[in-house]
N, C-alpha and C. Protein backbone atom coordinates (compact mmCIF):
# COMPACT_ATOMS: atom_id res chain seq x y z
N UNK A 1 102.61 74.81 87.05
CA UNK A 1 103.13 76.14 87.38
C UNK A 1 104.08 76.61 86.29
N UNK A 2 103.88 77.83 85.83
CA UNK A 2 104.77 78.43 84.82
C UNK A 2 105.72 79.38 85.55
N UNK A 3 106.99 78.99 85.64
CA UNK A 3 107.96 79.79 86.39
C UNK A 3 108.39 81.04 85.65
N UNK A 4 108.58 80.90 84.33
CA UNK A 4 108.93 82.08 83.54
C UNK A 4 108.55 81.85 82.08
N UNK A 5 108.48 82.96 81.36
CA UNK A 5 108.19 82.95 79.93
C UNK A 5 109.35 83.64 79.22
N UNK A 6 109.90 83.00 78.21
CA UNK A 6 111.01 83.59 77.46
C UNK A 6 110.69 83.51 75.97
N UNK A 7 110.66 84.64 75.32
CA UNK A 7 110.34 84.65 73.90
C UNK A 7 110.41 86.05 73.33
N UNK A 8 109.84 86.23 72.16
CA UNK A 8 109.88 87.53 71.48
C UNK A 8 108.76 88.44 71.98
N UNK A 9 109.12 89.66 72.34
CA UNK A 9 108.14 90.65 72.74
C UNK A 9 107.41 91.14 71.49
N UNK A 10 106.13 90.83 71.39
CA UNK A 10 105.36 91.14 70.19
C UNK A 10 104.66 92.49 70.28
N UNK A 11 104.05 92.78 71.42
CA UNK A 11 103.34 94.05 71.56
C UNK A 11 103.13 94.41 73.01
N UNK A 12 102.89 95.70 73.25
CA UNK A 12 102.58 96.23 74.57
C UNK A 12 101.18 96.81 74.55
N UNK A 13 100.36 96.40 75.50
CA UNK A 13 99.02 96.95 75.62
C UNK A 13 98.95 97.79 76.90
N UNK A 14 97.76 98.20 77.27
CA UNK A 14 97.64 99.13 78.40
C UNK A 14 98.22 98.57 79.69
N UNK A 15 97.91 97.32 80.01
CA UNK A 15 98.39 96.75 81.26
C UNK A 15 99.01 95.36 81.09
N UNK A 16 99.31 95.00 79.86
CA UNK A 16 99.92 93.70 79.63
C UNK A 16 100.75 93.70 78.36
N UNK A 17 101.55 92.64 78.22
CA UNK A 17 102.38 92.48 77.02
C UNK A 17 102.04 91.14 76.38
N UNK A 18 102.39 91.02 75.11
CA UNK A 18 102.21 89.76 74.40
C UNK A 18 103.61 89.24 74.06
N UNK A 19 103.89 88.02 74.49
CA UNK A 19 105.19 87.39 74.23
C UNK A 19 104.96 86.13 73.40
N UNK A 20 105.66 86.05 72.27
CA UNK A 20 105.54 84.90 71.38
C UNK A 20 106.57 83.84 71.78
N UNK A 21 106.07 82.66 72.14
CA UNK A 21 106.95 81.54 72.49
C UNK A 21 106.60 80.37 71.57
N UNK A 22 107.45 80.13 70.59
CA UNK A 22 107.21 79.03 69.67
C UNK A 22 105.91 79.13 68.91
N UNK A 23 105.52 80.34 68.55
CA UNK A 23 104.30 80.53 67.78
C UNK A 23 103.04 80.69 68.61
N UNK A 24 103.18 80.63 69.93
CA UNK A 24 102.04 80.84 70.83
C UNK A 24 102.21 82.19 71.53
N UNK A 25 101.19 83.03 71.44
CA UNK A 25 101.25 84.35 72.05
C UNK A 25 100.69 84.34 73.46
N UNK A 26 101.52 84.65 74.44
CA UNK A 26 101.08 84.70 75.84
C UNK A 26 100.79 86.14 76.25
N UNK A 27 99.59 86.37 76.76
CA UNK A 27 99.25 87.68 77.30
C UNK A 27 99.64 87.72 78.77
N UNK A 28 100.52 88.61 79.13
CA UNK A 28 101.06 88.65 80.49
C UNK A 28 100.85 90.05 81.09
N UNK A 29 100.12 90.11 82.19
CA UNK A 29 99.90 91.39 82.88
C UNK A 29 101.18 91.81 83.58
N UNK A 30 101.48 93.11 83.51
CA UNK A 30 102.70 93.63 84.14
C UNK A 30 102.44 94.98 84.79
N UNK A 31 103.18 95.30 85.87
CA UNK A 31 103.11 96.65 86.44
C UNK A 31 103.59 97.66 85.40
N UNK A 32 102.92 98.79 85.32
CA UNK A 32 103.26 99.80 84.33
C UNK A 32 104.70 100.26 84.42
N UNK A 33 105.21 100.40 85.63
CA UNK A 33 106.58 100.87 85.82
C UNK A 33 107.57 99.91 85.17
N UNK A 34 107.30 98.62 85.26
CA UNK A 34 108.21 97.62 84.69
C UNK A 34 108.09 97.52 83.18
N UNK A 35 106.90 97.81 82.67
CA UNK A 35 106.73 97.78 81.22
C UNK A 35 107.63 98.81 80.55
N UNK A 36 107.89 99.90 81.27
CA UNK A 36 108.76 100.94 80.73
C UNK A 36 110.21 100.53 80.65
N UNK A 37 110.56 99.41 81.28
CA UNK A 37 111.94 98.93 81.29
C UNK A 37 112.17 97.80 80.30
N UNK A 38 111.14 97.42 79.59
CA UNK A 38 111.24 96.33 78.63
C UNK A 38 112.07 96.73 77.41
N UNK A 39 112.67 95.76 76.73
CA UNK A 39 113.39 96.07 75.48
C UNK A 39 112.38 96.41 74.40
N UNK A 40 112.84 96.90 73.26
CA UNK A 40 111.92 97.25 72.16
C UNK A 40 111.17 96.01 71.65
N UNK A 41 110.01 96.25 71.08
CA UNK A 41 109.23 95.18 70.46
C UNK A 41 110.09 94.50 69.40
N UNK A 42 110.02 93.17 69.38
CA UNK A 42 110.82 92.40 68.44
C UNK A 42 112.04 91.77 69.07
N UNK A 43 112.38 92.22 70.28
CA UNK A 43 113.52 91.66 70.99
C UNK A 43 113.07 90.54 71.93
N UNK A 44 114.03 89.74 72.36
CA UNK A 44 113.72 88.65 73.29
C UNK A 44 113.57 89.21 74.71
N UNK A 45 112.65 88.62 75.45
CA UNK A 45 112.42 89.05 76.82
C UNK A 45 112.17 87.82 77.69
N UNK A 46 112.57 87.90 78.94
CA UNK A 46 112.30 86.83 79.89
C UNK A 46 111.56 87.42 81.08
N UNK A 47 110.38 86.87 81.37
CA UNK A 47 109.56 87.37 82.47
C UNK A 47 109.30 86.26 83.48
N UNK A 48 109.56 86.56 84.74
CA UNK A 48 109.24 85.63 85.82
C UNK A 48 107.74 85.78 86.10
N UNK A 49 107.04 84.66 86.14
CA UNK A 49 105.58 84.74 86.13
C UNK A 49 104.88 84.10 87.32
N UNK A 50 103.68 84.59 87.53
CA UNK A 50 102.76 84.03 88.53
C UNK A 50 101.46 83.71 87.81
N UNK A 51 100.99 82.48 87.93
CA UNK A 51 99.76 82.07 87.27
C UNK A 51 98.60 82.14 88.27
N UNK A 52 97.65 83.02 87.98
CA UNK A 52 96.47 83.18 88.84
C UNK A 52 95.30 82.42 88.21
N UNK A 53 94.81 81.43 88.92
CA UNK A 53 93.72 80.60 88.41
C UNK A 53 92.41 80.99 89.08
N UNK A 54 91.45 81.40 88.26
CA UNK A 54 90.11 81.76 88.75
C UNK A 54 89.10 80.79 88.15
N UNK A 55 87.88 80.86 88.64
CA UNK A 55 86.84 79.98 88.12
C UNK A 55 86.59 80.18 86.63
N UNK A 56 86.68 81.42 86.21
CA UNK A 56 86.36 81.73 84.81
C UNK A 56 87.54 82.16 83.96
N UNK A 57 88.76 82.12 84.53
CA UNK A 57 89.91 82.58 83.75
C UNK A 57 91.24 82.17 84.39
N UNK A 58 92.27 82.16 83.57
CA UNK A 58 93.64 81.98 84.05
C UNK A 58 94.44 83.19 83.59
N UNK A 59 95.14 83.82 84.52
CA UNK A 59 95.88 85.04 84.20
C UNK A 59 97.35 84.88 84.57
N UNK A 60 98.21 85.36 83.68
CA UNK A 60 99.64 85.37 83.94
C UNK A 60 100.08 86.78 84.31
N UNK A 61 100.83 86.89 85.40
CA UNK A 61 101.41 88.18 85.80
C UNK A 61 102.92 88.04 85.70
N UNK A 62 103.56 88.99 85.02
CA UNK A 62 104.98 88.87 84.77
C UNK A 62 105.82 89.99 85.37
N UNK A 63 107.08 89.64 85.68
CA UNK A 63 108.01 90.58 86.33
C UNK A 63 109.40 90.38 85.77
N UNK A 64 110.18 91.45 85.74
CA UNK A 64 111.50 91.40 85.15
C UNK A 64 112.52 90.69 86.03
N UNK A 65 112.27 90.63 87.34
CA UNK A 65 113.20 89.99 88.26
C UNK A 65 112.48 89.03 89.20
N UNK A 66 113.23 88.09 89.74
CA UNK A 66 112.66 87.17 90.73
C UNK A 66 112.27 87.92 91.99
N UNK A 67 113.05 88.94 92.31
CA UNK A 67 112.74 89.72 93.51
C UNK A 67 111.37 90.37 93.40
N UNK A 68 111.08 90.96 92.25
CA UNK A 68 109.77 91.60 92.05
C UNK A 68 108.65 90.57 92.17
N UNK A 69 108.88 89.37 91.64
CA UNK A 69 107.89 88.31 91.75
C UNK A 69 107.68 87.90 93.20
N UNK A 70 108.78 87.80 93.96
CA UNK A 70 108.67 87.43 95.37
C UNK A 70 107.91 88.48 96.16
N UNK A 71 108.18 89.76 95.87
CA UNK A 71 107.46 90.84 96.55
C UNK A 71 105.98 90.79 96.18
N UNK A 72 105.69 90.52 94.92
CA UNK A 72 104.31 90.39 94.45
C UNK A 72 103.60 89.28 95.22
N UNK A 73 104.27 88.15 95.43
CA UNK A 73 103.67 87.04 96.17
C UNK A 73 103.35 87.45 97.61
N UNK A 74 104.25 88.24 98.20
CA UNK A 74 104.00 88.73 99.56
C UNK A 74 102.78 89.65 99.58
N UNK A 75 102.68 90.50 98.58
CA UNK A 75 101.57 91.45 98.52
C UNK A 75 100.22 90.73 98.43
N UNK A 76 100.13 89.74 97.55
CA UNK A 76 98.84 89.07 97.38
C UNK A 76 98.54 88.12 98.54
N UNK A 77 99.52 87.95 99.42
CA UNK A 77 99.29 87.16 100.62
C UNK A 77 98.59 87.96 101.70
N UNK A 78 98.50 89.27 101.49
CA UNK A 78 97.82 90.16 102.44
C UNK A 78 96.32 90.13 102.12
N UNK A 79 95.51 89.88 103.12
CA UNK A 79 94.06 89.81 102.93
C UNK A 79 93.54 91.12 102.33
N UNK A 80 92.76 90.99 101.26
CA UNK A 80 92.19 92.18 100.62
C UNK A 80 92.98 92.66 99.43
N UNK A 81 94.15 92.05 99.17
CA UNK A 81 94.96 92.43 98.02
C UNK A 81 95.07 91.24 97.07
N UNK A 82 94.47 91.37 95.91
CA UNK A 82 94.53 90.32 94.90
C UNK A 82 95.64 90.61 93.91
N UNK A 83 95.78 89.78 92.89
CA UNK A 83 96.82 89.99 91.88
C UNK A 83 96.76 91.36 91.22
N UNK A 84 95.56 91.84 90.90
CA UNK A 84 95.44 93.16 90.29
C UNK A 84 95.90 94.26 91.25
N UNK A 85 95.57 94.06 92.52
CA UNK A 85 96.01 95.04 93.53
C UNK A 85 97.51 95.04 93.69
N UNK A 86 98.11 93.83 93.69
CA UNK A 86 99.56 93.73 93.79
C UNK A 86 100.24 94.38 92.59
N UNK A 87 99.67 94.16 91.42
CA UNK A 87 100.20 94.78 90.20
C UNK A 87 100.09 96.30 90.28
N UNK A 88 98.98 96.78 90.80
CA UNK A 88 98.76 98.22 90.93
C UNK A 88 99.79 98.86 91.86
N UNK A 89 100.07 98.19 92.98
CA UNK A 89 101.04 98.72 93.94
C UNK A 89 102.44 98.79 93.32
N UNK A 90 102.84 97.72 92.63
CA UNK A 90 104.17 97.69 92.03
C UNK A 90 104.28 98.60 90.82
N UNK A 91 103.15 99.07 90.29
CA UNK A 91 103.18 100.06 89.22
C UNK A 91 103.55 101.43 89.76
N UNK A 92 103.23 101.64 91.04
CA UNK A 92 103.51 102.92 91.70
C UNK A 92 104.82 102.88 92.47
N UNK A 93 105.07 101.74 93.12
CA UNK A 93 106.26 101.59 93.95
C UNK A 93 107.06 100.35 93.54
N UNK A 94 108.22 100.52 92.92
CA UNK A 94 109.07 99.36 92.63
C UNK A 94 109.43 98.66 93.94
N UNK A 95 109.87 97.41 93.90
CA UNK A 95 110.13 96.63 95.12
C UNK A 95 110.91 97.35 96.21
N UNK A 96 112.05 97.96 95.86
CA UNK A 96 112.86 98.62 96.90
C UNK A 96 112.14 99.82 97.51
N UNK A 97 111.42 100.59 96.69
CA UNK A 97 110.68 101.73 97.22
C UNK A 97 109.54 101.26 98.12
N UNK A 98 108.94 100.13 97.77
CA UNK A 98 107.89 99.57 98.61
C UNK A 98 108.47 99.15 99.96
N UNK A 99 109.67 98.59 99.94
CA UNK A 99 110.32 98.20 101.19
C UNK A 99 110.47 99.41 102.11
N UNK A 100 110.92 100.53 101.53
CA UNK A 100 111.11 101.72 102.34
C UNK A 100 109.78 102.27 102.84
N UNK A 101 108.76 102.22 102.00
CA UNK A 101 107.45 102.71 102.41
C UNK A 101 106.91 101.89 103.58
N UNK A 102 107.11 100.58 103.51
CA UNK A 102 106.66 99.71 104.60
C UNK A 102 107.46 99.98 105.86
N UNK A 103 108.77 100.09 105.71
CA UNK A 103 109.64 100.34 106.86
C UNK A 103 109.33 101.67 107.53
N UNK A 104 108.98 102.67 106.72
CA UNK A 104 108.68 103.99 107.25
C UNK A 104 107.23 104.15 107.67
N UNK A 105 106.42 103.11 107.43
CA UNK A 105 105.00 103.20 107.77
C UNK A 105 104.27 104.22 106.92
N UNK A 106 104.72 104.38 105.67
CA UNK A 106 104.16 105.39 104.77
C UNK A 106 102.93 104.86 104.03
N UNK A 107 101.79 104.86 104.70
CA UNK A 107 100.55 104.36 104.10
C UNK A 107 100.12 105.24 102.93
N UNK A 108 100.44 106.52 103.01
CA UNK A 108 100.03 107.44 101.93
C UNK A 108 100.67 107.04 100.61
N UNK A 109 101.96 106.69 100.63
CA UNK A 109 102.64 106.30 99.40
C UNK A 109 102.03 105.04 98.81
N UNK A 110 101.70 104.10 99.67
CA UNK A 110 101.14 102.83 99.20
C UNK A 110 99.71 103.03 98.69
N UNK A 111 98.94 103.84 99.38
CA UNK A 111 97.55 104.06 98.97
C UNK A 111 97.43 104.93 97.72
N UNK A 112 98.58 105.40 97.22
CA UNK A 112 98.56 106.14 95.95
C UNK A 112 98.29 105.20 94.78
N UNK A 113 98.44 103.89 95.03
CA UNK A 113 98.15 102.91 93.99
C UNK A 113 96.64 102.83 93.78
N UNK A 114 96.20 102.84 92.53
CA UNK A 114 94.76 102.76 92.24
C UNK A 114 94.13 101.52 92.86
N UNK A 115 93.00 101.73 93.55
CA UNK A 115 92.28 100.61 94.14
C UNK A 115 92.76 100.21 95.53
N UNK A 116 93.79 100.89 96.04
CA UNK A 116 94.33 100.57 97.37
C UNK A 116 93.99 101.72 98.32
N UNK A 117 93.11 101.45 99.26
CA UNK A 117 92.72 102.47 100.23
C UNK A 117 93.68 102.57 101.41
N UNK A 118 93.47 103.57 102.24
CA UNK A 118 94.35 103.80 103.37
C UNK A 118 94.35 102.63 104.35
N UNK A 119 93.18 102.07 104.63
CA UNK A 119 93.10 100.96 105.58
C UNK A 119 93.84 99.74 105.06
N UNK A 120 93.70 99.48 103.77
CA UNK A 120 94.40 98.34 103.17
C UNK A 120 95.90 98.57 103.22
N UNK A 121 96.33 99.81 102.96
CA UNK A 121 97.75 100.15 103.00
C UNK A 121 98.30 99.96 104.41
N UNK A 122 97.55 100.37 105.41
CA UNK A 122 97.99 100.22 106.79
C UNK A 122 98.08 98.74 107.17
N UNK A 123 97.14 97.95 106.68
CA UNK A 123 97.16 96.52 106.95
C UNK A 123 98.37 95.87 106.29
N UNK A 124 98.67 96.31 105.08
CA UNK A 124 99.83 95.79 104.36
C UNK A 124 101.11 96.07 105.15
N UNK A 125 101.24 97.29 105.64
CA UNK A 125 102.42 97.67 106.42
C UNK A 125 102.55 96.80 107.65
N UNK A 126 101.45 96.58 108.33
CA UNK A 126 101.46 95.78 109.55
C UNK A 126 101.89 94.34 109.28
N UNK A 127 101.39 93.77 108.19
CA UNK A 127 101.65 92.36 107.89
C UNK A 127 103.01 92.12 107.24
N UNK A 128 103.54 93.13 106.52
CA UNK A 128 104.79 92.91 105.79
C UNK A 128 106.01 93.56 106.42
N UNK A 129 105.82 94.27 107.52
CA UNK A 129 106.94 94.97 108.14
C UNK A 129 108.09 94.04 108.49
N UNK A 130 107.78 92.82 108.90
CA UNK A 130 108.82 91.87 109.28
C UNK A 130 109.30 91.02 108.10
N UNK A 131 108.68 91.24 106.93
CA UNK A 131 109.04 90.42 105.76
C UNK A 131 109.78 91.20 104.69
N UNK A 132 109.72 92.52 104.76
CA UNK A 132 110.43 93.37 103.81
C UNK A 132 111.40 94.24 104.60
N UNK A 133 112.65 94.29 104.17
CA UNK A 133 113.64 95.06 104.91
C UNK A 133 114.60 95.80 104.02
N UNK A 134 115.26 96.79 104.59
CA UNK A 134 116.26 97.56 103.86
C UNK A 134 117.44 96.68 103.48
N UNK A 135 117.73 95.68 104.34
CA UNK A 135 118.84 94.77 104.06
C UNK A 135 118.62 94.04 102.74
N UNK A 136 117.36 93.72 102.45
CA UNK A 136 117.05 93.05 101.19
C UNK A 136 117.40 93.94 100.02
N UNK A 137 117.06 95.22 100.13
CA UNK A 137 117.36 96.15 99.05
C UNK A 137 118.86 96.26 98.82
N UNK A 138 119.63 96.28 99.90
CA UNK A 138 121.07 96.37 99.77
C UNK A 138 121.66 95.08 99.20
N UNK A 139 121.06 93.96 99.56
CA UNK A 139 121.53 92.68 99.03
C UNK A 139 121.37 92.63 97.51
N UNK A 140 120.29 93.23 97.00
CA UNK A 140 120.08 93.24 95.56
C UNK A 140 121.16 94.07 94.88
N UNK A 141 121.59 95.12 95.54
CA UNK A 141 122.67 95.92 94.98
C UNK A 141 123.95 95.08 94.90
N UNK A 142 124.18 94.26 95.93
CA UNK A 142 125.34 93.38 95.95
C UNK A 142 125.30 92.41 94.78
N UNK A 143 124.14 91.84 94.52
CA UNK A 143 123.99 90.85 93.46
C UNK A 143 124.22 91.44 92.08
N UNK A 144 124.12 92.77 91.96
CA UNK A 144 124.33 93.42 90.68
C UNK A 144 125.81 93.69 90.41
N UNK A 145 126.66 93.48 91.44
CA UNK A 145 128.08 93.78 91.30
C UNK A 145 128.82 92.61 90.64
N UNK A 146 130.05 92.88 90.20
CA UNK A 146 130.88 91.82 89.64
C UNK A 146 131.39 90.93 90.76
N UNK A 147 131.76 89.71 90.46
CA UNK A 147 132.16 88.74 91.46
C UNK A 147 133.28 89.23 92.39
N UNK A 148 134.36 89.86 91.87
CA UNK A 148 135.43 90.28 92.77
C UNK A 148 134.99 91.24 93.85
N UNK A 149 133.94 92.03 93.58
CA UNK A 149 133.53 93.04 94.57
C UNK A 149 132.40 92.59 95.46
N UNK A 150 131.81 91.44 95.17
CA UNK A 150 130.65 91.00 95.94
C UNK A 150 130.96 90.78 97.42
N UNK A 151 132.08 90.09 97.67
CA UNK A 151 132.38 89.76 99.06
C UNK A 151 132.59 91.00 99.91
N UNK A 152 133.31 91.97 99.36
CA UNK A 152 133.58 93.19 100.11
C UNK A 152 132.30 93.95 100.40
N UNK A 153 131.44 94.11 99.38
CA UNK A 153 130.20 94.86 99.57
C UNK A 153 129.29 94.14 100.55
N UNK A 154 129.27 92.81 100.45
CA UNK A 154 128.42 92.04 101.35
C UNK A 154 128.88 92.24 102.79
N UNK A 155 130.20 92.27 102.99
CA UNK A 155 130.74 92.43 104.33
C UNK A 155 130.40 93.80 104.90
N UNK A 156 130.22 94.78 104.01
CA UNK A 156 129.92 96.12 104.45
C UNK A 156 128.42 96.42 104.47
N UNK A 157 127.61 95.36 104.29
CA UNK A 157 126.17 95.56 104.22
C UNK A 157 125.60 96.27 105.44
N UNK A 158 126.11 95.94 106.63
CA UNK A 158 125.62 96.58 107.84
C UNK A 158 125.92 98.06 107.86
N UNK A 159 127.12 98.42 107.37
CA UNK A 159 127.52 99.83 107.31
C UNK A 159 126.61 100.57 106.33
N UNK A 160 126.34 99.96 105.18
CA UNK A 160 125.45 100.58 104.21
C UNK A 160 124.06 100.82 104.80
N UNK A 161 123.55 99.81 105.46
CA UNK A 161 122.21 99.90 106.04
C UNK A 161 122.13 101.04 107.05
N UNK A 162 123.15 101.15 107.90
CA UNK A 162 123.15 102.21 108.91
C UNK A 162 123.27 103.58 108.25
N UNK A 163 124.03 103.66 107.17
CA UNK A 163 124.19 104.94 106.47
C UNK A 163 122.87 105.38 105.86
N UNK A 164 122.15 104.44 105.24
CA UNK A 164 120.85 104.76 104.65
C UNK A 164 119.90 105.25 105.73
N UNK A 165 119.85 104.55 106.86
CA UNK A 165 118.96 104.93 107.94
C UNK A 165 119.34 106.29 108.51
N UNK A 166 120.64 106.58 108.56
CA UNK A 166 121.10 107.88 109.06
C UNK A 166 120.63 109.00 108.13
N UNK A 167 120.75 108.78 106.82
CA UNK A 167 120.30 109.79 105.86
C UNK A 167 118.80 110.01 105.96
N UNK A 168 118.07 108.92 106.15
CA UNK A 168 116.62 109.04 106.29
C UNK A 168 116.27 109.84 107.54
N UNK A 169 117.04 109.63 108.60
CA UNK A 169 116.81 110.37 109.85
C UNK A 169 117.10 111.85 109.68
N UNK A 170 117.99 112.16 108.72
CA UNK A 170 118.32 113.56 108.45
C UNK A 170 117.27 114.25 107.58
N UNK A 171 116.30 113.46 107.13
CA UNK A 171 115.21 114.04 106.35
C UNK A 171 115.24 113.75 104.87
N UNK A 172 116.24 113.00 104.42
CA UNK A 172 116.30 112.66 103.01
C UNK A 172 115.32 111.53 102.70
N UNK A 173 114.85 111.49 101.46
CA UNK A 173 113.93 110.44 101.05
C UNK A 173 114.62 109.09 101.09
N UNK A 174 113.88 108.05 101.44
CA UNK A 174 114.47 106.72 101.56
C UNK A 174 115.09 106.24 100.25
N UNK A 175 114.38 106.43 99.16
CA UNK A 175 114.89 105.97 97.87
C UNK A 175 116.13 106.76 97.48
N UNK A 176 116.09 108.08 97.70
CA UNK A 176 117.24 108.93 97.39
C UNK A 176 118.45 108.51 98.21
N UNK A 177 118.22 108.19 99.49
CA UNK A 177 119.31 107.78 100.37
C UNK A 177 119.93 106.46 99.91
N UNK A 178 119.09 105.51 99.54
CA UNK A 178 119.59 104.21 99.09
C UNK A 178 120.44 104.37 97.83
N UNK A 179 119.96 105.17 96.88
CA UNK A 179 120.70 105.36 95.63
C UNK A 179 122.07 105.98 95.89
N UNK A 180 122.11 106.94 96.80
CA UNK A 180 123.38 107.62 97.10
C UNK A 180 124.37 106.66 97.75
N UNK A 181 123.90 105.85 98.70
CA UNK A 181 124.78 104.91 99.38
C UNK A 181 125.27 103.83 98.43
N UNK A 182 124.41 103.42 97.51
CA UNK A 182 124.81 102.40 96.53
C UNK A 182 125.99 102.88 95.67
N UNK A 183 126.08 104.19 95.46
CA UNK A 183 127.11 104.74 94.58
C UNK A 183 128.46 104.89 95.28
N UNK A 184 128.48 104.70 96.59
CA UNK A 184 129.73 104.83 97.33
C UNK A 184 130.56 103.56 97.17
N UNK A 185 131.83 103.72 96.81
CA UNK A 185 132.73 102.58 96.69
C UNK A 185 133.24 102.22 98.09
N UNK A 186 132.82 101.06 98.57
CA UNK A 186 133.15 100.63 99.93
C UNK A 186 134.53 100.01 100.00
N UNK A 187 135.29 100.39 101.02
CA UNK A 187 136.58 99.75 101.30
C UNK A 187 136.55 99.18 102.71
N UNK A 188 137.49 98.30 103.01
CA UNK A 188 137.48 97.58 104.28
C UNK A 188 137.58 98.49 105.50
N UNK A 189 138.27 99.62 105.35
CA UNK A 189 138.50 100.48 106.51
C UNK A 189 137.42 101.55 106.70
N UNK A 190 136.36 101.52 105.91
CA UNK A 190 135.33 102.56 105.99
C UNK A 190 134.29 102.24 107.06
N UNK A 191 133.98 103.26 107.87
CA UNK A 191 132.92 103.11 108.86
C UNK A 191 131.68 103.86 108.38
N UNK A 192 130.64 103.88 109.21
CA UNK A 192 129.39 104.52 108.82
C UNK A 192 129.59 105.99 108.50
N UNK A 193 130.39 106.66 109.30
CA UNK A 193 130.63 108.09 109.11
C UNK A 193 131.26 108.37 107.75
N UNK A 194 132.22 107.54 107.35
CA UNK A 194 132.89 107.74 106.07
C UNK A 194 131.92 107.52 104.91
N UNK A 195 131.12 106.47 105.02
CA UNK A 195 130.14 106.18 103.97
C UNK A 195 129.12 107.31 103.88
N UNK A 196 128.72 107.81 105.04
CA UNK A 196 127.73 108.88 105.10
C UNK A 196 128.24 110.14 104.41
N UNK A 197 129.50 110.49 104.66
CA UNK A 197 130.08 111.69 104.06
C UNK A 197 130.11 111.58 102.53
N UNK A 198 130.53 110.43 102.04
CA UNK A 198 130.60 110.23 100.59
C UNK A 198 129.22 110.21 99.96
N UNK A 199 128.26 109.63 100.68
CA UNK A 199 126.89 109.58 100.17
C UNK A 199 126.31 110.99 100.08
N UNK A 200 126.60 111.82 101.07
CA UNK A 200 126.13 113.21 101.06
C UNK A 200 126.71 113.98 99.89
N UNK A 201 127.96 113.68 99.54
CA UNK A 201 128.57 114.33 98.37
C UNK A 201 127.84 113.93 97.11
N UNK A 202 127.46 112.65 97.02
CA UNK A 202 126.71 112.17 95.86
C UNK A 202 125.39 112.92 95.73
N UNK A 203 124.76 113.16 96.87
CA UNK A 203 123.44 113.80 96.88
C UNK A 203 123.53 115.28 96.60
N UNK A 204 124.70 115.85 96.69
CA UNK A 204 124.85 117.29 96.44
C UNK A 204 125.02 117.61 94.97
N UNK A 205 125.29 116.55 94.15
CA UNK A 205 125.49 116.78 92.72
C UNK A 205 124.16 117.00 92.04
């Protein structure tokens, strides 16, 4: 099992990248959305990988974060979705947006991925609804914070989650709501109403 590849980014192709590791060039398939976040060619890159072994080929699929890799593994665990299908979905919907689409039962958003039909999207929602959650998305935001602020934000995770759901209920897009709530500086005395008000101010800019 190849857990990750770390080396020089040599080139970008239509649906994969070439990474040089000690003089060996690895071709790694990636979601298009993530390829746009890569550093310039010639810089070092680290990709978390999944090795797909077929009768006639071995394919590496790469992701910028462990979370994206974990979501990819969940996707290919759904009957009818192979590695290419999982890559296609994550090219259209980054992990957190996919979580919201699943939570909202938005089959249309998922079926926007090439090769993914409405029935497959509905099946994906049914099978992953209990495995993907908004709390996961908020936890990732916590992990991006500096150590002194992690404990406070983690403690307020429930408040954040409720605020996001409240904004969604008001008609705001799930992704837009999450971004706004993430920008709110949480303090110990803040309740859902306070977070909601500040998030709405963020969304008005």
